[in-house]
Amino acid sequence: MIEVTLYHDGCSICQDIEWTMAAAFATDLHRYEAVDLSQQKDRYGEAKALGIERLPSLVIDGQVLRLEDHSPIDHYQ
């Protein structure tokens, strides 16, 4: 199973990306999770440990991919 996690800041752009990713990864081959760091600040350390510096970022099996780079993660520390 492929692990897919979207880390984002809850803005309208990120919410659109979250909806799109949820639809794209809604298969038996993927385990998808979205983490809104504006609401889930306890997940900040996890995101930093993965190497995330900007939001939104998509993590697929440990590989970080930046999407629509617009928010520094340190806003959610």
N, C-alpha and C. Protein backbone atom coordinates (compact mmCIF):
# COMPACT_ATOMS: atom_id res chain seq x y z
N MET A 1 0.85 -1.18 0.00
CA MET A 1 0.00 0.00 0.00
C MET A 1 0.89 1.24 0.00
N ILE A 2 0.56 2.20 -0.83
CA ILE A 2 1.33 3.44 -0.95
C ILE A 2 0.77 4.46 0.03
N GLU A 3 1.64 5.00 0.88
CA GLU A 3 1.26 6.02 1.86
C GLU A 3 1.33 7.39 1.20
N VAL A 4 0.24 8.14 1.26
CA VAL A 4 0.16 9.48 0.68
C VAL A 4 -0.39 10.43 1.73
N THR A 5 0.38 11.49 2.03
CA THR A 5 -0.08 12.47 3.01
C THR A 5 0.10 13.87 2.43
N LEU A 6 -0.96 14.65 2.50
CA LEU A 6 -0.93 16.05 2.09
C LEU A 6 -0.85 16.91 3.35
N TYR A 7 0.20 17.71 3.46
CA TYR A 7 0.33 18.68 4.55
C TYR A 7 -0.01 20.04 3.97
N HIS A 8 -0.92 20.76 4.62
CA HIS A 8 -1.35 22.04 4.09
C HIS A 8 -1.73 22.99 5.21
N ASP A 9 -2.15 24.21 4.83
CA ASP A 9 -2.44 25.24 5.84
C ASP A 9 -3.92 25.60 5.94
N GLY A 10 -4.77 24.90 5.22
CA GLY A 10 -6.21 25.12 5.34
C GLY A 10 -6.79 26.23 4.50
N CYS A 11 -5.98 26.91 3.69
CA CYS A 11 -6.50 27.99 2.84
C CYS A 11 -7.38 27.40 1.74
N SER A 12 -8.05 28.25 1.00
CA SER A 12 -8.97 27.76 -0.04
C SER A 12 -8.24 27.00 -1.15
N ILE A 13 -7.04 27.43 -1.50
CA ILE A 13 -6.25 26.70 -2.51
C ILE A 13 -5.94 25.30 -1.99
N CYS A 14 -5.51 25.22 -0.74
CA CYS A 14 -5.17 23.93 -0.15
C CYS A 14 -6.39 23.02 -0.01
N GLN A 15 -7.52 23.60 0.30
CA GLN A 15 -8.74 22.80 0.41
C GLN A 15 -9.12 22.20 -0.94
N ASP A 16 -8.92 22.97 -2.01
CA ASP A 16 -9.16 22.44 -3.36
C ASP A 16 -8.19 21.31 -3.68
N ILE A 17 -6.92 21.50 -3.32
CA ILE A 17 -5.92 20.46 -3.55
C ILE A 17 -6.27 19.22 -2.73
N GLU A 18 -6.69 19.42 -1.48
CA GLU A 18 -7.07 18.29 -0.62
C GLU A 18 -8.19 17.48 -1.25
N TRP A 19 -9.21 18.16 -1.76
CA TRP A 19 -10.34 17.48 -2.41
C TRP A 19 -9.87 16.69 -3.63
N THR A 20 -9.02 17.30 -4.44
CA THR A 20 -8.51 16.65 -5.64
C THR A 20 -7.67 15.42 -5.29
N MET A 21 -6.79 15.56 -4.30
CA MET A 21 -5.94 14.44 -3.89
C MET A 21 -6.76 13.31 -3.29
N ALA A 22 -7.75 13.65 -2.49
CA ALA A 22 -8.61 12.62 -1.89
C ALA A 22 -9.30 11.80 -2.98
N ALA A 23 -9.77 12.48 -4.01
CA ALA A 23 -10.42 11.77 -5.12
C ALA A 23 -9.41 10.93 -5.91
N ALA A 24 -8.22 11.48 -6.14
CA ALA A 24 -7.21 10.78 -6.93
C ALA A 24 -6.66 9.55 -6.22
N PHE A 25 -6.55 9.63 -4.90
CA PHE A 25 -5.93 8.53 -4.15
C PHE A 25 -6.95 7.66 -3.41
N ALA A 26 -8.20 7.75 -3.79
CA ALA A 26 -9.25 6.93 -3.17
C ALA A 26 -9.29 5.56 -3.85
N THR A 27 -8.23 4.79 -3.63
CA THR A 27 -8.14 3.45 -4.21
C THR A 27 -7.66 2.48 -3.14
N ASP A 28 -7.74 1.21 -3.45
CA ASP A 28 -7.25 0.19 -2.54
C ASP A 28 -5.72 0.14 -2.52
N LEU A 29 -5.07 0.84 -3.44
CA LEU A 29 -3.62 0.84 -3.53
C LEU A 29 -2.98 1.94 -2.68
N HIS A 30 -3.78 2.89 -2.21
CA HIS A 30 -3.25 4.05 -1.48
C HIS A 30 -3.90 4.19 -0.11
N ARG A 31 -3.12 4.71 0.81
CA ARG A 31 -3.69 5.17 2.08
C ARG A 31 -3.44 6.66 2.12
N TYR A 32 -4.50 7.43 1.99
CA TYR A 32 -4.40 8.89 1.88
C TYR A 32 -4.82 9.55 3.18
N GLU A 33 -4.07 10.58 3.56
CA GLU A 33 -4.40 11.39 4.73
C GLU A 33 -4.06 12.85 4.41
N ALA A 34 -4.89 13.75 4.88
CA ALA A 34 -4.62 15.19 4.78
C ALA A 34 -4.38 15.73 6.18
N VAL A 35 -3.33 16.54 6.32
CA VAL A 35 -2.99 17.15 7.60
C VAL A 35 -3.04 18.67 7.43
N ASP A 36 -4.01 19.30 8.08
CA ASP A 36 -4.16 20.75 8.06
C ASP A 36 -3.41 21.29 9.28
N LEU A 37 -2.22 21.83 9.05
CA LEU A 37 -1.38 22.29 10.16
C LEU A 37 -1.95 23.50 10.88
N SER A 38 -2.91 24.19 10.29
CA SER A 38 -3.54 25.29 11.01
C SER A 38 -4.47 24.74 12.10
N GLN A 39 -4.92 23.49 11.93
CA GLN A 39 -5.80 22.83 12.90
C GLN A 39 -5.09 21.74 13.69
N GLN A 40 -4.05 21.16 13.12
CA GLN A 40 -3.35 20.02 13.72
C GLN A 40 -1.90 20.40 14.01
N LYS A 41 -1.69 21.42 14.82
CA LYS A 41 -0.34 21.92 15.08
C LYS A 41 0.56 20.89 15.75
N ASP A 42 -0.03 19.90 16.39
CA ASP A 42 0.75 18.83 17.00
C ASP A 42 1.48 17.98 15.96
N ARG A 43 1.15 18.11 14.69
CA ARG A 43 1.79 17.35 13.61
C ARG A 43 2.94 18.11 12.96
N TYR A 44 3.22 19.34 13.46
CA TYR A 44 4.30 20.18 12.92
C TYR A 44 5.64 19.44 12.94
N GLY A 45 6.01 18.86 14.08
CA GLY A 45 7.29 18.17 14.22
C GLY A 45 7.44 17.03 13.22
N GLU A 46 6.37 16.31 13.00
CA GLU A 46 6.36 15.22 12.03
C GLU A 46 6.65 15.76 10.63
N ALA A 47 5.99 16.85 10.27
CA ALA A 47 6.19 17.45 8.94
C ALA A 47 7.64 17.94 8.78
N LYS A 48 8.17 18.60 9.80
CA LYS A 48 9.56 19.09 9.73
C LYS A 48 10.54 17.92 9.61
N ALA A 49 10.28 16.84 10.34
CA ALA A 49 11.16 15.67 10.29
C ALA A 49 11.19 15.05 8.89
N LEU A 50 10.11 15.18 8.15
CA LEU A 50 10.06 14.69 6.78
C LEU A 50 10.81 15.60 5.81
N GLY A 51 11.14 16.81 6.26
CA GLY A 51 11.84 17.76 5.40
C GLY A 51 10.94 18.79 4.76
N ILE A 52 9.71 18.90 5.21
CA ILE A 52 8.78 19.87 4.65
C ILE A 52 9.14 21.27 5.14
N GLU A 53 9.28 22.19 4.21
CA GLU A 53 9.59 23.58 4.53
C GLU A 53 8.50 24.54 4.07
N ARG A 54 7.74 24.15 3.05
CA ARG A 54 6.69 24.99 2.48
C ARG A 54 5.41 24.17 2.35
N LEU A 55 4.29 24.88 2.44
CA LEU A 55 2.98 24.23 2.31
C LEU A 55 2.28 24.77 1.08
N PRO A 56 1.48 23.98 0.43
CA PRO A 56 1.24 22.57 0.70
C PRO A 56 2.36 21.69 0.15
N SER A 57 2.52 20.55 0.77
CA SER A 57 3.45 19.52 0.30
C SER A 57 2.76 18.17 0.36
N LEU A 58 3.05 17.36 -0.63
CA LEU A 58 2.52 16.02 -0.71
C LEU A 58 3.66 15.06 -0.44
N VAL A 59 3.43 14.09 0.43
CA VAL A 59 4.44 13.09 0.74
C VAL A 59 3.93 11.74 0.25
N ILE A 60 4.68 11.15 -0.67
CA ILE A 60 4.33 9.84 -1.21
C ILE A 60 5.45 8.87 -0.86
N ASP A 61 5.13 7.93 0.00
CA ASP A 61 6.11 6.96 0.49
C ASP A 61 7.42 7.62 0.91
N GLY A 62 7.31 8.71 1.66
CA GLY A 62 8.48 9.39 2.21
C GLY A 62 9.11 10.44 1.31
N GLN A 63 8.69 10.53 0.06
CA GLN A 63 9.21 11.53 -0.88
C GLN A 63 8.36 12.78 -0.80
N VAL A 64 8.99 13.92 -0.52
CA VAL A 64 8.26 15.18 -0.39
C VAL A 64 8.19 15.88 -1.74
N LEU A 65 6.97 16.25 -2.13
CA LEU A 65 6.72 17.00 -3.35
C LEU A 65 6.02 18.29 -2.98
N ARG A 66 6.56 19.42 -3.38
CA ARG A 66 5.90 20.70 -3.12
C ARG A 66 4.80 20.93 -4.14
N LEU A 67 3.71 21.53 -3.66
CA LEU A 67 2.58 21.86 -4.53
C LEU A 67 2.23 23.33 -4.30
N GLU A 68 2.02 24.10 -5.33
CA GLU A 68 1.52 25.47 -5.19
C GLU A 68 2.17 26.18 -3.99
N ASP A 69 3.47 26.20 -4.00
CA ASP A 69 4.32 26.69 -2.91
C ASP A 69 3.93 28.10 -2.47
N HIS A 70 3.27 28.22 -1.29
CA HIS A 70 2.83 29.55 -0.88
C HIS A 70 2.91 29.85 0.61
N SER A 71 3.21 28.90 1.45
CA SER A 71 3.18 29.18 2.89
C SER A 71 4.34 28.49 3.59
N PRO A 72 5.16 29.25 4.34
CA PRO A 72 6.23 28.60 5.10
C PRO A 72 5.65 27.79 6.26
N ILE A 73 6.18 26.62 6.47
CA ILE A 73 5.68 25.74 7.52
C ILE A 73 5.87 26.34 8.90
N ASP A 74 6.87 27.17 9.09
CA ASP A 74 7.15 27.72 10.42
C ASP A 74 6.03 28.60 10.96
N HIS A 75 5.05 28.96 10.15
CA HIS A 75 3.89 29.70 10.64
C HIS A 75 3.05 28.85 11.59
N TYR A 76 3.25 27.53 11.56
CA TYR A 76 2.41 26.60 12.29
C TYR A 76 3.15 25.89 13.43
N GLN A 77 4.26 26.43 13.80
CA GLN A 77 5.11 25.88 14.85
C GLN A 77 4.48 26.04 16.21
